[in-house]
Amino acid sequence: MAEKVKMAEGAKCACEAANIGLYACSGASNVGQMANQVAVELTKQGKGRMMCTAGIGGRIPGIMKSTEGADVIVAIDGCSLNCTKQSLELAGFTVGTHVVLTELGVAKNKHLDVDANEVSEILVKLEKSLGI
């Protein structure tokens, strides 16, 4: 899995491998949705590239290849169930960094709304822990 994926010159896709592959939970809770939003924001800031966690679970060939090309795999889970990390590991990938939002002080609830202030606070903590 250490081999880089080579694409034809000029070829691009939304799931193209990046140095830092960001895989997020998007579960049915506030922390699941927040994990997803955090990955979106880190991608927008150019601090990694959000990749498709569902595609890992489905073993989609192109997504698996893109994941093989990532230098570092970051799993962002909402809670201690660690669904994202476990999905990646069951597919044979090594998670370089694992973040659990409830361990960063976010209380889990069943609401799907994401508080923008909480996302900002989590981003600051994540950036420090990831060194980005």
N, C-alpha and C. Protein backbone atom coordinates (compact mmCIF):
# COMPACT_ATOMS: atom_id res chain seq x y z
N MET A 1 0.80 -1.20 0.00
CA MET A 1 0.00 0.00 0.00
C MET A 1 0.84 1.26 0.00
N ALA A 2 2.16 1.15 0.06
CA ALA A 2 3.03 2.31 0.09
C ALA A 2 3.20 2.92 -1.29
N GLU A 3 2.86 2.19 -2.33
CA GLU A 3 3.04 2.66 -3.70
C GLU A 3 2.05 3.79 -4.00
N LYS A 4 2.55 4.85 -4.61
CA LYS A 4 1.72 6.00 -4.98
C LYS A 4 0.88 5.68 -6.20
N VAL A 5 -0.32 6.24 -6.21
CA VAL A 5 -1.19 6.10 -7.38
C VAL A 5 -0.73 7.11 -8.41
N LYS A 6 -0.53 6.67 -9.64
CA LYS A 6 -0.12 7.58 -10.71
C LYS A 6 -1.32 7.83 -11.60
N MET A 7 -1.59 9.10 -11.82
CA MET A 7 -2.69 9.48 -12.69
C MET A 7 -2.11 10.08 -13.97
N ALA A 8 -2.86 9.99 -15.03
CA ALA A 8 -2.43 10.59 -16.28
C ALA A 8 -2.21 12.08 -16.07
N GLU A 9 -1.23 12.64 -16.77
CA GLU A 9 -0.94 14.05 -16.62
C GLU A 9 -2.19 14.88 -16.90
N GLY A 10 -2.47 15.80 -15.98
CA GLY A 10 -3.63 16.66 -16.14
C GLY A 10 -4.92 16.05 -15.61
N ALA A 11 -4.91 14.77 -15.30
CA ALA A 11 -6.13 14.12 -14.79
C ALA A 11 -6.35 14.52 -13.35
N LYS A 12 -7.55 14.86 -13.00
CA LYS A 12 -7.92 15.25 -11.65
C LYS A 12 -9.26 14.64 -11.31
N CYS A 13 -9.44 14.34 -10.04
CA CYS A 13 -10.76 13.94 -9.56
C CYS A 13 -10.91 14.44 -8.13
N ALA A 14 -12.14 14.50 -7.66
CA ALA A 14 -12.41 15.02 -6.32
C ALA A 14 -11.80 14.14 -5.25
N CYS A 15 -11.56 12.88 -5.55
CA CYS A 15 -11.03 11.97 -4.53
C CYS A 15 -9.54 11.69 -4.70
N GLU A 16 -8.86 12.49 -5.50
CA GLU A 16 -7.43 12.29 -5.75
C GLU A 16 -6.66 12.29 -4.43
N ALA A 17 -5.68 11.43 -4.31
CA ALA A 17 -4.91 11.30 -3.08
C ALA A 17 -4.18 12.60 -2.75
N ALA A 18 -4.06 12.88 -1.48
CA ALA A 18 -3.37 14.07 -0.98
C ALA A 18 -2.33 13.62 0.04
N ASN A 19 -1.43 14.52 0.41
CA ASN A 19 -0.48 14.18 1.45
C ASN A 19 -1.19 13.75 2.72
N ILE A 20 -2.20 14.51 3.13
CA ILE A 20 -2.97 14.18 4.32
C ILE A 20 -4.38 13.84 3.89
N GLY A 21 -4.75 12.58 4.05
CA GLY A 21 -6.12 12.14 3.75
C GLY A 21 -6.97 12.26 4.99
N LEU A 22 -8.03 13.04 4.91
CA LEU A 22 -8.93 13.26 6.05
C LEU A 22 -10.18 12.41 5.88
N TYR A 23 -10.41 11.52 6.82
CA TYR A 23 -11.58 10.65 6.81
C TYR A 23 -12.41 10.96 8.04
N ALA A 24 -13.68 11.28 7.84
CA ALA A 24 -14.52 11.72 8.95
C ALA A 24 -15.76 10.88 9.12
N CYS A 25 -16.16 10.80 10.36
CA CYS A 25 -17.46 10.25 10.72
C CYS A 25 -18.51 11.23 10.20
N SER A 26 -19.65 10.75 9.87
CA SER A 26 -20.78 11.65 9.57
C SER A 26 -22.03 11.03 10.18
N GLY A 27 -21.85 10.47 11.37
CA GLY A 27 -22.90 9.73 12.06
C GLY A 27 -24.09 10.58 12.49
N ALA A 28 -25.09 9.90 13.00
CA ALA A 28 -26.38 10.51 13.33
C ALA A 28 -26.38 11.13 14.72
N SER A 29 -25.44 12.05 14.94
CA SER A 29 -25.35 12.80 16.18
C SER A 29 -24.65 14.12 15.89
N ASN A 30 -24.67 15.00 16.87
CA ASN A 30 -23.98 16.27 16.69
C ASN A 30 -22.49 16.07 16.44
N VAL A 31 -21.86 15.14 17.17
CA VAL A 31 -20.42 14.95 17.00
C VAL A 31 -20.06 14.29 15.67
N GLY A 32 -20.95 13.45 15.16
CA GLY A 32 -20.73 12.86 13.83
C GLY A 32 -20.77 13.93 12.76
N GLN A 33 -21.76 14.79 12.84
CA GLN A 33 -21.88 15.88 11.88
C GLN A 33 -20.75 16.89 12.03
N MET A 34 -20.32 17.10 13.28
CA MET A 34 -19.22 18.03 13.53
C MET A 34 -17.91 17.47 12.97
N ALA A 35 -17.68 16.18 13.11
CA ALA A 35 -16.47 15.56 12.55
C ALA A 35 -16.42 15.78 11.05
N ASN A 36 -17.55 15.61 10.40
CA ASN A 36 -17.64 15.84 8.96
C ASN A 36 -17.33 17.30 8.63
N GLN A 37 -17.93 18.22 9.38
CA GLN A 37 -17.72 19.65 9.11
C GLN A 37 -16.27 20.06 9.34
N VAL A 38 -15.65 19.48 10.35
CA VAL A 38 -14.24 19.77 10.62
C VAL A 38 -13.38 19.34 9.43
N ALA A 39 -13.66 18.17 8.88
CA ALA A 39 -12.90 17.69 7.72
C ALA A 39 -13.12 18.61 6.52
N VAL A 40 -14.33 19.08 6.34
CA VAL A 40 -14.64 20.03 5.26
C VAL A 40 -13.81 21.29 5.44
N GLU A 41 -13.81 21.84 6.64
CA GLU A 41 -13.09 23.09 6.90
C GLU A 41 -11.58 22.92 6.73
N LEU A 42 -11.02 21.82 7.21
CA LEU A 42 -9.59 21.57 7.02
C LEU A 42 -9.24 21.47 5.54
N THR A 43 -10.12 20.87 4.76
CA THR A 43 -9.91 20.76 3.32
C THR A 43 -9.96 22.14 2.67
N LYS A 44 -10.94 22.94 3.05
CA LYS A 44 -11.04 24.30 2.49
C LYS A 44 -9.81 25.13 2.81
N GLN A 45 -9.21 24.87 3.97
CA GLN A 45 -8.01 25.61 4.39
C GLN A 45 -6.73 25.05 3.77
N GLY A 46 -6.86 23.97 3.01
CA GLY A 46 -5.69 23.38 2.36
C GLY A 46 -4.81 22.59 3.31
N LYS A 47 -5.36 22.12 4.42
CA LYS A 47 -4.58 21.40 5.42
C LYS A 47 -4.74 19.89 5.31
N GLY A 48 -5.25 19.44 4.22
CA GLY A 48 -5.48 18.03 3.96
C GLY A 48 -6.57 17.93 2.91
N ARG A 49 -6.91 16.71 2.56
CA ARG A 49 -7.96 16.52 1.57
C ARG A 49 -8.96 15.53 2.13
N MET A 50 -10.20 15.97 2.19
CA MET A 50 -11.26 15.10 2.67
C MET A 50 -11.45 13.97 1.68
N MET A 51 -11.53 12.77 2.22
CA MET A 51 -11.69 11.57 1.41
C MET A 51 -12.99 10.89 1.81
N CYS A 52 -13.40 9.89 1.08
CA CYS A 52 -14.71 9.27 1.26
C CYS A 52 -14.66 8.06 2.19
N THR A 53 -15.11 8.26 3.43
CA THR A 53 -15.13 7.18 4.40
C THR A 53 -16.12 6.09 3.99
N ALA A 54 -17.26 6.47 3.46
CA ALA A 54 -18.26 5.49 3.02
C ALA A 54 -17.70 4.60 1.91
N GLY A 55 -16.89 5.18 1.04
CA GLY A 55 -16.26 4.41 -0.03
C GLY A 55 -15.29 3.36 0.49
N ILE A 56 -14.67 3.64 1.64
CA ILE A 56 -13.79 2.65 2.27
C ILE A 56 -14.64 1.46 2.74
N GLY A 57 -15.75 1.76 3.39
CA GLY A 57 -16.64 0.70 3.86
C GLY A 57 -17.17 -0.14 2.71
N GLY A 58 -17.44 0.51 1.58
CA GLY A 58 -17.95 -0.18 0.40
C GLY A 58 -16.86 -0.79 -0.47
N ARG A 59 -15.60 -0.56 -0.09
CA ARG A 59 -14.45 -1.07 -0.83
C ARG A 59 -14.49 -0.66 -2.30
N ILE A 60 -14.82 0.61 -2.54
CA ILE A 60 -14.87 1.16 -3.89
C ILE A 60 -13.44 1.26 -4.42
N PRO A 61 -13.14 0.58 -5.55
CA PRO A 61 -11.75 0.48 -6.02
C PRO A 61 -11.02 1.82 -6.16
N GLY A 62 -11.61 2.82 -6.76
CA GLY A 62 -10.93 4.10 -6.94
C GLY A 62 -10.63 4.79 -5.63
N ILE A 63 -11.54 4.68 -4.68
CA ILE A 63 -11.33 5.30 -3.37
C ILE A 63 -10.25 4.53 -2.60
N MET A 64 -10.25 3.23 -2.73
CA MET A 64 -9.21 2.43 -2.09
C MET A 64 -7.84 2.82 -2.65
N LYS A 65 -7.74 2.99 -3.96
CA LYS A 65 -6.47 3.39 -4.58
C LYS A 65 -6.03 4.77 -4.11
N SER A 66 -6.98 5.71 -4.03
CA SER A 66 -6.64 7.06 -3.56
C SER A 66 -6.13 7.01 -2.13
N THR A 67 -6.72 6.18 -1.32
CA THR A 67 -6.29 6.04 0.07
C THR A 67 -4.89 5.46 0.14
N GLU A 68 -4.59 4.51 -0.72
CA GLU A 68 -3.24 3.94 -0.76
C GLU A 68 -2.21 5.01 -1.06
N GLY A 69 -2.59 6.05 -1.80
CA GLY A 69 -1.66 7.10 -2.18
C GLY A 69 -1.48 8.20 -1.14
N ALA A 70 -2.26 8.17 -0.07
CA ALA A 70 -2.13 9.20 0.97
C ALA A 70 -0.87 8.94 1.79
N ASP A 71 -0.14 10.01 2.09
CA ASP A 71 1.05 9.88 2.94
C ASP A 71 0.66 9.65 4.39
N VAL A 72 -0.38 10.34 4.83
CA VAL A 72 -0.87 10.23 6.21
C VAL A 72 -2.38 10.10 6.15
N ILE A 73 -2.91 9.17 6.92
CA ILE A 73 -4.36 9.00 7.03
C ILE A 73 -4.79 9.49 8.40
N VAL A 74 -5.72 10.46 8.39
CA VAL A 74 -6.27 11.02 9.62
C VAL A 74 -7.71 10.58 9.73
N ALA A 75 -8.04 9.91 10.83
CA ALA A 75 -9.42 9.50 11.10
C ALA A 75 -10.01 10.46 12.13
N ILE A 76 -11.12 11.08 11.78
CA ILE A 76 -11.80 12.01 12.69
C ILE A 76 -13.12 11.38 13.08
N ASP A 77 -13.17 10.86 14.30
CA ASP A 77 -14.39 10.23 14.81
C ASP A 77 -15.12 11.20 15.74
N GLY A 78 -16.42 11.06 15.77
CA GLY A 78 -17.21 11.89 16.67
C GLY A 78 -17.18 11.38 18.09
N CYS A 79 -17.22 10.05 18.25
CA CYS A 79 -17.32 9.48 19.59
C CYS A 79 -16.45 8.23 19.71
N SER A 80 -16.53 7.61 20.87
CA SER A 80 -15.66 6.48 21.19
C SER A 80 -16.01 5.19 20.45
N LEU A 81 -17.06 5.19 19.64
CA LEU A 81 -17.33 4.01 18.82
C LEU A 81 -16.25 3.83 17.76
N ASN A 82 -15.59 4.91 17.38
CA ASN A 82 -14.45 4.87 16.44
C ASN A 82 -14.78 4.23 15.10
N CYS A 83 -15.94 4.52 14.56
CA CYS A 83 -16.39 3.92 13.30
C CYS A 83 -15.44 4.21 12.14
N THR A 84 -14.97 5.45 12.06
CA THR A 84 -14.08 5.82 10.96
C THR A 84 -12.76 5.06 11.04
N LYS A 85 -12.15 5.07 12.20
CA LYS A 85 -10.87 4.38 12.38
C LYS A 85 -11.03 2.89 12.11
N GLN A 86 -12.08 2.29 12.64
CA GLN A 86 -12.28 0.86 12.44
C GLN A 86 -12.54 0.52 10.98
N SER A 87 -13.29 1.36 10.28
CA SER A 87 -13.55 1.12 8.85
C SER A 87 -12.24 1.11 8.07
N LEU A 88 -11.38 2.09 8.34
CA LEU A 88 -10.09 2.16 7.65
C LEU A 88 -9.22 0.95 7.97
N GLU A 89 -9.16 0.58 9.24
CA GLU A 89 -8.32 -0.55 9.63
C GLU A 89 -8.85 -1.87 9.09
N LEU A 90 -10.16 -2.05 9.08
CA LEU A 90 -10.73 -3.28 8.51
C LEU A 90 -10.45 -3.39 7.02
N ALA A 91 -10.26 -2.24 6.36
CA ALA A 91 -9.93 -2.24 4.93
C ALA A 91 -8.43 -2.41 4.70
N GLY A 92 -7.66 -2.51 5.79
CA GLY A 92 -6.23 -2.76 5.67
C GLY A 92 -5.35 -1.53 5.73
N PHE A 93 -5.90 -0.38 6.10
CA PHE A 93 -5.11 0.85 6.15
C PHE A 93 -4.64 1.14 7.57
N THR A 94 -3.50 1.81 7.66
CA THR A 94 -2.96 2.23 8.94
C THR A 94 -3.33 3.69 9.15
N VAL A 95 -3.99 3.95 10.25
CA VAL A 95 -4.37 5.32 10.60
C VAL A 95 -3.18 5.98 11.28
N GLY A 96 -2.73 7.08 10.70
CA GLY A 96 -1.59 7.80 11.26
C GLY A 96 -1.97 8.64 12.46
N THR A 97 -3.11 9.28 12.39
CA THR A 97 -3.61 10.12 13.47
C THR A 97 -5.09 9.84 13.66
N HIS A 98 -5.49 9.67 14.90
CA HIS A 98 -6.90 9.42 15.22
C HIS A 98 -7.37 10.47 16.21
N VAL A 99 -8.46 11.15 15.88
CA VAL A 99 -9.03 12.19 16.72
C VAL A 99 -10.46 11.79 17.06
N VAL A 100 -10.82 11.93 18.34
CA VAL A 100 -12.18 11.65 18.80
C VAL A 100 -12.72 12.92 19.43
N LEU A 101 -13.76 13.50 18.83
CA LEU A 101 -14.25 14.80 19.28
C LEU A 101 -14.75 14.80 20.72
N THR A 102 -15.37 13.71 21.16
CA THR A 102 -15.83 13.69 22.55
C THR A 102 -14.65 13.73 23.52
N GLU A 103 -13.48 13.27 23.10
CA GLU A 103 -12.28 13.36 23.94
C GLU A 103 -11.70 14.77 23.94
N LEU A 104 -12.17 15.60 23.03
CA LEU A 104 -11.74 17.00 22.99
C LEU A 104 -12.75 17.91 23.71
N GLY A 105 -13.70 17.29 24.40
CA GLY A 105 -14.62 18.08 25.22
C GLY A 105 -16.00 18.34 24.65
N VAL A 106 -16.33 17.77 23.51
CA VAL A 106 -17.65 17.98 22.93
C VAL A 106 -18.59 16.90 23.46
N ALA A 107 -19.72 17.32 24.03
CA ALA A 107 -20.70 16.37 24.54
C ALA A 107 -21.57 15.86 23.39
N LYS A 108 -21.73 14.55 23.32
CA LYS A 108 -22.53 13.94 22.27
C LYS A 108 -24.01 14.04 22.60
N ASN A 109 -24.81 14.36 21.56
CA ASN A 109 -26.26 14.31 21.70
C ASN A 109 -26.85 13.85 20.38
N LYS A 110 -28.14 13.71 20.33
CA LYS A 110 -28.80 13.18 19.13
C LYS A 110 -29.22 14.26 18.14
N HIS A 111 -28.85 15.49 18.41
CA HIS A 111 -29.20 16.57 17.49
C HIS A 111 -28.22 16.58 16.32
N LEU A 112 -28.70 16.94 15.16
CA LEU A 112 -27.85 16.95 13.97
C LEU A 112 -27.32 18.34 13.64
N ASP A 113 -27.77 19.33 14.38
CA ASP A 113 -27.29 20.69 14.15
C ASP A 113 -25.88 20.84 14.68
N VAL A 114 -25.08 21.56 13.92
CA VAL A 114 -23.69 21.79 14.30
C VAL A 114 -23.53 23.25 14.69
N ASP A 115 -22.93 23.48 15.83
CA ASP A 115 -22.67 24.82 16.33
C ASP A 115 -21.37 25.33 15.71
N ALA A 116 -21.45 26.44 14.99
CA ALA A 116 -20.27 26.99 14.31
C ALA A 116 -19.16 27.35 15.29
N ASN A 117 -19.52 27.83 16.48
CA ASN A 117 -18.50 28.16 17.47
C ASN A 117 -17.76 26.91 17.95
N GLU A 118 -18.49 25.82 18.14
CA GLU A 118 -17.86 24.57 18.54
C GLU A 118 -16.92 24.06 17.45
N VAL A 119 -17.35 24.18 16.20
CA VAL A 119 -16.50 23.76 15.09
C VAL A 119 -15.20 24.56 15.09
N SER A 120 -15.29 25.86 15.29
CA SER A 120 -14.09 26.71 15.34
C SER A 120 -13.17 26.30 16.48
N GLU A 121 -13.74 26.02 17.64
CA GLU A 121 -12.93 25.61 18.79
C GLU A 121 -12.24 24.28 18.52
N ILE A 122 -12.97 23.34 17.93
CA ILE A 122 -12.40 22.03 17.62
C ILE A 122 -11.30 22.17 16.57
N LEU A 123 -11.51 23.03 15.58
CA LEU A 123 -10.47 23.24 14.56
C LEU A 123 -9.16 23.70 15.17
N VAL A 124 -9.24 24.62 16.13
CA VAL A 124 -8.03 25.11 16.78
C VAL A 124 -7.33 23.97 17.51
N LYS A 125 -8.09 23.17 18.25
CA LYS A 125 -7.50 22.03 18.97
C LYS A 125 -6.91 21.01 18.00
N LEU A 126 -7.61 20.74 16.91
CA LEU A 126 -7.14 19.77 15.93
C LEU A 126 -5.87 20.25 15.25
N GLU A 127 -5.85 21.50 14.85
CA GLU A 127 -4.68 22.04 14.18
C GLU A 127 -3.45 21.92 15.07
N LYS A 128 -3.62 22.15 16.38
CA LYS A 128 -2.50 22.02 17.31
C LYS A 128 -2.06 20.56 17.42
N SER A 129 -3.03 19.65 17.58
CA SER A 129 -2.67 18.25 17.77
C SER A 129 -2.09 17.64 16.49
N LEU A 130 -2.54 18.11 15.33
CA LEU A 130 -2.04 17.59 14.05
C LEU A 130 -0.78 18.32 13.59
N GLY A 131 -0.50 19.46 14.21
CA GLY A 131 0.66 20.24 13.80
C GLY A 131 0.50 20.88 12.44
N ILE A 132 -0.74 21.27 12.11
CA ILE A 132 -0.98 21.88 10.79
C ILE A 132 -1.51 23.30 10.92
